[in-house]
Amino acid sequence: MKTKLILKEDDNQVEEIPEEKLVELNITSFVTDLIKNKWEQVDNINGILVTTPKDNFELIDTLKSIIDDEYVHIGQLEKIIQGINPEAVALDSEDVEIK
């Protein structure tokens, strides 16, 4: 199994990490970024929704549908993280901590 040496910032020590674990960490980091982007999209759409005239039912329904889809995607992405790293803990609806 290949390994890489990683400098730990906390105590300036070098730690050997298996390449497989590095791949998992990279994927987890990428998916975590995707989740954060999805939450930003939800916030942006909510901003549009707030300013949409209340009688524009078609636009309101479309925006709400998009938000619902984003919630589904966020849940799916969180499941990916749990599959890769079962120790990952969702802190709240917008943050994920990797242990």
N, C-alpha and C. Protein backbone atom coordinates (compact mmCIF):
# COMPACT_ATOMS: atom_id res chain seq x y z
N MET A 1 0.84 -1.18 0.00
CA MET A 1 0.00 0.00 0.00
C MET A 1 0.89 1.24 0.00
N LYS A 2 0.61 2.17 -0.87
CA LYS A 2 1.38 3.41 -0.93
C LYS A 2 0.99 4.32 0.23
N THR A 3 1.97 5.09 0.67
CA THR A 3 1.70 6.07 1.72
C THR A 3 2.34 7.38 1.35
N LYS A 4 1.87 8.43 1.96
CA LYS A 4 2.47 9.75 1.78
C LYS A 4 2.75 10.32 3.16
N LEU A 5 3.81 11.11 3.24
CA LEU A 5 4.14 11.78 4.48
C LEU A 5 3.44 13.13 4.50
N ILE A 6 2.74 13.41 5.57
CA ILE A 6 1.98 14.64 5.71
C ILE A 6 2.50 15.39 6.93
N LEU A 7 2.77 16.67 6.78
CA LEU A 7 3.19 17.51 7.90
C LEU A 7 1.94 17.97 8.64
N LYS A 8 1.84 17.60 9.92
CA LYS A 8 0.71 18.02 10.74
C LYS A 8 0.97 19.44 11.24
N GLU A 9 0.05 20.32 10.97
CA GLU A 9 0.23 21.73 11.31
C GLU A 9 0.24 21.97 12.82
N ASP A 10 -0.49 21.17 13.57
CA ASP A 10 -0.63 21.39 15.01
C ASP A 10 0.70 21.33 15.76
N ASP A 11 1.48 20.31 15.46
CA ASP A 11 2.69 20.11 16.25
C ASP A 11 3.94 19.93 15.39
N ASN A 12 3.87 20.30 14.12
CA ASN A 12 4.99 20.21 13.18
C ASN A 12 5.62 18.82 13.13
N GLN A 13 4.81 17.80 13.26
CA GLN A 13 5.28 16.43 13.14
C GLN A 13 4.87 15.87 11.79
N VAL A 14 5.61 14.89 11.34
CA VAL A 14 5.29 14.24 10.08
C VAL A 14 4.52 12.96 10.38
N GLU A 15 3.44 12.76 9.66
CA GLU A 15 2.61 11.58 9.86
C GLU A 15 2.50 10.85 8.53
N GLU A 16 2.58 9.54 8.58
CA GLU A 16 2.45 8.73 7.37
C GLU A 16 0.98 8.34 7.22
N ILE A 17 0.40 8.71 6.09
CA ILE A 17 -1.02 8.43 5.84
C ILE A 17 -1.13 7.56 4.59
N PRO A 18 -1.87 6.44 4.70
CA PRO A 18 -2.05 5.58 3.53
C PRO A 18 -2.74 6.36 2.40
N GLU A 19 -2.35 6.06 1.17
CA GLU A 19 -2.90 6.76 0.01
C GLU A 19 -4.43 6.59 -0.06
N GLU A 20 -4.92 5.42 0.31
CA GLU A 20 -6.37 5.17 0.29
C GLU A 20 -7.09 6.16 1.21
N LYS A 21 -6.51 6.42 2.38
CA LYS A 21 -7.11 7.36 3.33
C LYS A 21 -7.07 8.79 2.77
N LEU A 22 -5.97 9.12 2.07
CA LEU A 22 -5.88 10.45 1.45
C LEU A 22 -6.97 10.64 0.40
N VAL A 23 -7.23 9.59 -0.38
CA VAL A 23 -8.29 9.66 -1.39
C VAL A 23 -9.64 9.88 -0.70
N GLU A 24 -9.89 9.14 0.38
CA GLU A 24 -11.14 9.31 1.13
C GLU A 24 -11.27 10.74 1.66
N LEU A 25 -10.17 11.27 2.20
CA LEU A 25 -10.21 12.64 2.73
C LEU A 25 -10.46 13.65 1.62
N ASN A 26 -9.86 13.46 0.46
CA ASN A 26 -10.07 14.37 -0.67
C ASN A 26 -11.51 14.33 -1.15
N ILE A 27 -12.06 13.12 -1.27
CA ILE A 27 -13.45 13.00 -1.71
C ILE A 27 -14.38 13.62 -0.67
N THR A 28 -14.14 13.34 0.59
CA THR A 28 -14.96 13.89 1.66
C THR A 28 -14.91 15.41 1.64
N SER A 29 -13.74 15.97 1.45
CA SER A 29 -13.59 17.42 1.39
C SER A 29 -14.35 17.99 0.20
N PHE A 30 -14.25 17.34 -0.94
CA PHE A 30 -14.95 17.79 -2.14
C PHE A 30 -16.47 17.75 -1.94
N VAL A 31 -16.96 16.66 -1.37
CA VAL A 31 -18.41 16.52 -1.15
C VAL A 31 -18.88 17.53 -0.11
N THR A 32 -18.07 17.78 0.91
CA THR A 32 -18.42 18.79 1.91
C THR A 32 -18.56 20.16 1.25
N ASP A 33 -17.67 20.48 0.33
CA ASP A 33 -17.77 21.74 -0.41
C ASP A 33 -19.05 21.79 -1.24
N LEU A 34 -19.40 20.66 -1.84
CA LEU A 34 -20.65 20.61 -2.61
C LEU A 34 -21.86 20.88 -1.71
N ILE A 35 -21.85 20.30 -0.51
CA ILE A 35 -22.95 20.53 0.43
C ILE A 35 -23.05 22.01 0.79
N LYS A 36 -21.92 22.63 1.07
CA LYS A 36 -21.92 24.06 1.40
C LYS A 36 -22.46 24.87 0.23
N ASN A 37 -22.08 24.50 -1.00
CA ASN A 37 -22.59 25.21 -2.18
C ASN A 37 -24.10 25.03 -2.33
N LYS A 38 -24.58 23.83 -2.03
CA LYS A 38 -26.04 23.59 -2.10
C LYS A 38 -26.78 24.47 -1.10
N TRP A 39 -26.23 24.61 0.13
CA TRP A 39 -26.88 25.46 1.12
C TRP A 39 -26.86 26.93 0.66
N GLU A 40 -25.80 27.35 0.02
CA GLU A 40 -25.75 28.71 -0.52
C GLU A 40 -26.81 28.90 -1.60
N GLN A 41 -27.00 27.87 -2.44
CA GLN A 41 -28.04 27.94 -3.46
C GLN A 41 -29.42 28.07 -2.83
N VAL A 42 -29.66 27.29 -1.77
CA VAL A 42 -30.94 27.37 -1.07
C VAL A 42 -31.13 28.79 -0.52
N ASP A 43 -30.11 29.35 0.10
CA ASP A 43 -30.20 30.71 0.64
C ASP A 43 -30.49 31.73 -0.46
N ASN A 44 -29.81 31.59 -1.60
CA ASN A 44 -30.02 32.52 -2.71
C ASN A 44 -31.44 32.41 -3.27
N ILE A 45 -31.91 31.19 -3.41
CA ILE A 45 -33.28 31.00 -3.93
C ILE A 45 -34.29 31.52 -2.93
N ASN A 46 -34.05 31.32 -1.64
CA ASN A 46 -34.95 31.89 -0.63
C ASN A 46 -34.98 33.41 -0.72
N GLY A 47 -33.83 34.02 -1.02
CA GLY A 47 -33.78 35.48 -1.22
C GLY A 47 -34.66 35.92 -2.38
N ILE A 48 -34.62 35.15 -3.45
CA ILE A 48 -35.48 35.46 -4.61
C ILE A 48 -36.94 35.25 -4.23
N LEU A 49 -37.19 34.17 -3.50
CA LEU A 49 -38.57 33.84 -3.10
C LEU A 49 -39.19 34.95 -2.26
N VAL A 50 -38.41 35.51 -1.37
CA VAL A 50 -38.90 36.58 -0.48
C VAL A 50 -39.31 37.81 -1.28
N THR A 51 -38.59 38.07 -2.37
CA THR A 51 -38.87 39.28 -3.15
C THR A 51 -39.86 39.04 -4.30
N THR A 52 -40.29 37.80 -4.47
CA THR A 52 -41.22 37.48 -5.55
C THR A 52 -42.63 37.94 -5.18
N PRO A 53 -43.32 38.62 -6.09
CA PRO A 53 -44.70 39.03 -5.82
C PRO A 53 -45.56 37.81 -5.44
N LYS A 54 -46.37 37.99 -4.41
CA LYS A 54 -47.16 36.87 -3.87
C LYS A 54 -48.18 36.31 -4.85
N ASP A 55 -48.50 37.07 -5.88
CA ASP A 55 -49.48 36.57 -6.85
C ASP A 55 -48.82 35.85 -8.02
N ASN A 56 -47.50 35.72 -8.00
CA ASN A 56 -46.79 35.00 -9.06
C ASN A 56 -46.63 33.54 -8.64
N PHE A 57 -47.76 32.84 -8.65
CA PHE A 57 -47.83 31.48 -8.12
C PHE A 57 -46.91 30.50 -8.85
N GLU A 58 -46.81 30.65 -10.16
CA GLU A 58 -45.98 29.73 -10.94
C GLU A 58 -44.50 29.84 -10.53
N LEU A 59 -44.01 31.08 -10.41
CA LEU A 59 -42.62 31.29 -10.02
C LEU A 59 -42.38 30.80 -8.59
N ILE A 60 -43.31 31.10 -7.69
CA ILE A 60 -43.18 30.66 -6.30
C ILE A 60 -43.12 29.13 -6.22
N ASP A 61 -44.01 28.47 -6.95
CA ASP A 61 -44.02 27.00 -6.94
C ASP A 61 -42.73 26.44 -7.53
N THR A 62 -42.24 27.06 -8.58
CA THR A 62 -40.98 26.60 -9.21
C THR A 62 -39.82 26.75 -8.24
N LEU A 63 -39.72 27.90 -7.59
CA LEU A 63 -38.63 28.14 -6.64
C LEU A 63 -38.70 27.18 -5.47
N LYS A 64 -39.90 26.94 -4.95
CA LYS A 64 -40.06 25.99 -3.85
C LYS A 64 -39.68 24.57 -4.29
N SER A 65 -40.00 24.22 -5.51
CA SER A 65 -39.64 22.91 -6.04
C SER A 65 -38.12 22.76 -6.15
N ILE A 66 -37.46 23.82 -6.60
CA ILE A 66 -36.00 23.79 -6.70
C ILE A 66 -35.38 23.63 -5.31
N ILE A 67 -35.91 24.36 -4.33
CA ILE A 67 -35.41 24.25 -2.96
C ILE A 67 -35.59 22.82 -2.44
N ASP A 68 -36.76 22.25 -2.69
CA ASP A 68 -37.00 20.86 -2.26
C ASP A 68 -35.98 19.91 -2.89
N ASP A 69 -35.69 20.11 -4.18
CA ASP A 69 -34.70 19.28 -4.86
C ASP A 69 -33.32 19.44 -4.23
N GLU A 70 -32.97 20.67 -3.87
CA GLU A 70 -31.66 20.92 -3.25
C GLU A 70 -31.57 20.20 -1.90
N TYR A 71 -32.67 20.19 -1.14
CA TYR A 71 -32.67 19.47 0.14
C TYR A 71 -32.41 17.97 -0.09
N VAL A 72 -33.02 17.42 -1.12
CA VAL A 72 -32.80 16.01 -1.46
C VAL A 72 -31.33 15.78 -1.80
N HIS A 73 -30.76 16.67 -2.61
CA HIS A 73 -29.35 16.54 -3.00
C HIS A 73 -28.43 16.64 -1.79
N ILE A 74 -28.73 17.56 -0.88
CA ILE A 74 -27.93 17.71 0.34
C ILE A 74 -27.95 16.40 1.13
N GLY A 75 -29.12 15.82 1.28
CA GLY A 75 -29.23 14.54 2.00
C GLY A 75 -28.44 13.43 1.32
N GLN A 76 -28.50 13.39 -0.01
CA GLN A 76 -27.75 12.37 -0.74
C GLN A 76 -26.24 12.57 -0.57
N LEU A 77 -25.80 13.81 -0.63
CA LEU A 77 -24.37 14.09 -0.44
C LEU A 77 -23.91 13.74 0.97
N GLU A 78 -24.76 14.00 1.97
CA GLU A 78 -24.41 13.64 3.34
C GLU A 78 -24.29 12.11 3.49
N LYS A 79 -25.14 11.37 2.77
CA LYS A 79 -25.04 9.91 2.80
C LYS A 79 -23.73 9.44 2.17
N ILE A 80 -23.28 10.14 1.14
CA ILE A 80 -21.99 9.79 0.52
C ILE A 80 -20.87 9.95 1.54
N ILE A 81 -20.89 11.06 2.26
CA ILE A 81 -19.86 11.28 3.28
C ILE A 81 -19.93 10.19 4.34
N GLN A 82 -21.12 9.85 4.80
CA GLN A 82 -21.25 8.80 5.81
C GLN A 82 -20.75 7.47 5.28
N GLY A 83 -20.94 7.20 3.99
CA GLY A 83 -20.46 5.96 3.40
C GLY A 83 -18.94 5.90 3.33
N ILE A 84 -18.33 7.05 3.08
CA ILE A 84 -16.87 7.12 2.98
C ILE A 84 -16.25 7.17 4.37
N ASN A 85 -16.84 7.98 5.23
CA ASN A 85 -16.27 8.21 6.56
C ASN A 85 -17.39 8.14 7.60
N PRO A 86 -17.66 6.96 8.14
CA PRO A 86 -18.76 6.81 9.10
C PRO A 86 -18.58 7.67 10.35
N GLU A 87 -17.36 8.17 10.60
CA GLU A 87 -17.12 9.01 11.77
C GLU A 87 -17.48 10.47 11.51
N ALA A 88 -17.83 10.80 10.27
CA ALA A 88 -18.22 12.18 9.96
C ALA A 88 -19.54 12.46 10.67
N VAL A 89 -19.62 13.63 11.28
CA VAL A 89 -20.79 13.99 12.06
C VAL A 89 -21.37 15.29 11.52
N ALA A 90 -22.65 15.27 11.19
CA ALA A 90 -23.31 16.51 10.78
C ALA A 90 -23.55 17.34 12.03
N LEU A 91 -23.01 18.56 12.06
CA LEU A 91 -23.15 19.43 13.22
C LEU A 91 -24.53 20.07 13.26
N ASP A 92 -24.96 20.56 12.14
CA ASP A 92 -26.31 21.07 11.99
C ASP A 92 -26.64 20.98 10.52
N SER A 93 -27.70 21.64 10.11
CA SER A 93 -28.16 21.46 8.75
C SER A 93 -27.20 22.01 7.70
N GLU A 94 -26.21 22.80 8.11
CA GLU A 94 -25.32 23.39 7.11
C GLU A 94 -23.85 23.05 7.29
N ASP A 95 -23.47 22.38 8.36
CA ASP A 95 -22.06 22.12 8.62
C ASP A 95 -21.80 20.64 8.80
N VAL A 96 -20.67 20.19 8.32
CA VAL A 96 -20.25 18.80 8.49
C VAL A 96 -18.84 18.83 9.07
N GLU A 97 -18.61 18.06 10.11
CA GLU A 97 -17.29 17.98 10.71
C GLU A 97 -16.70 16.61 10.39
N ILE A 98 -15.46 16.60 9.96
CA ILE A 98 -14.78 15.36 9.67
C ILE A 98 -13.82 15.05 10.81
N LYS A 99 -14.00 13.90 11.44
CA LYS A 99 -13.14 13.52 12.57
C LYS A 99 -11.95 12.75 12.07
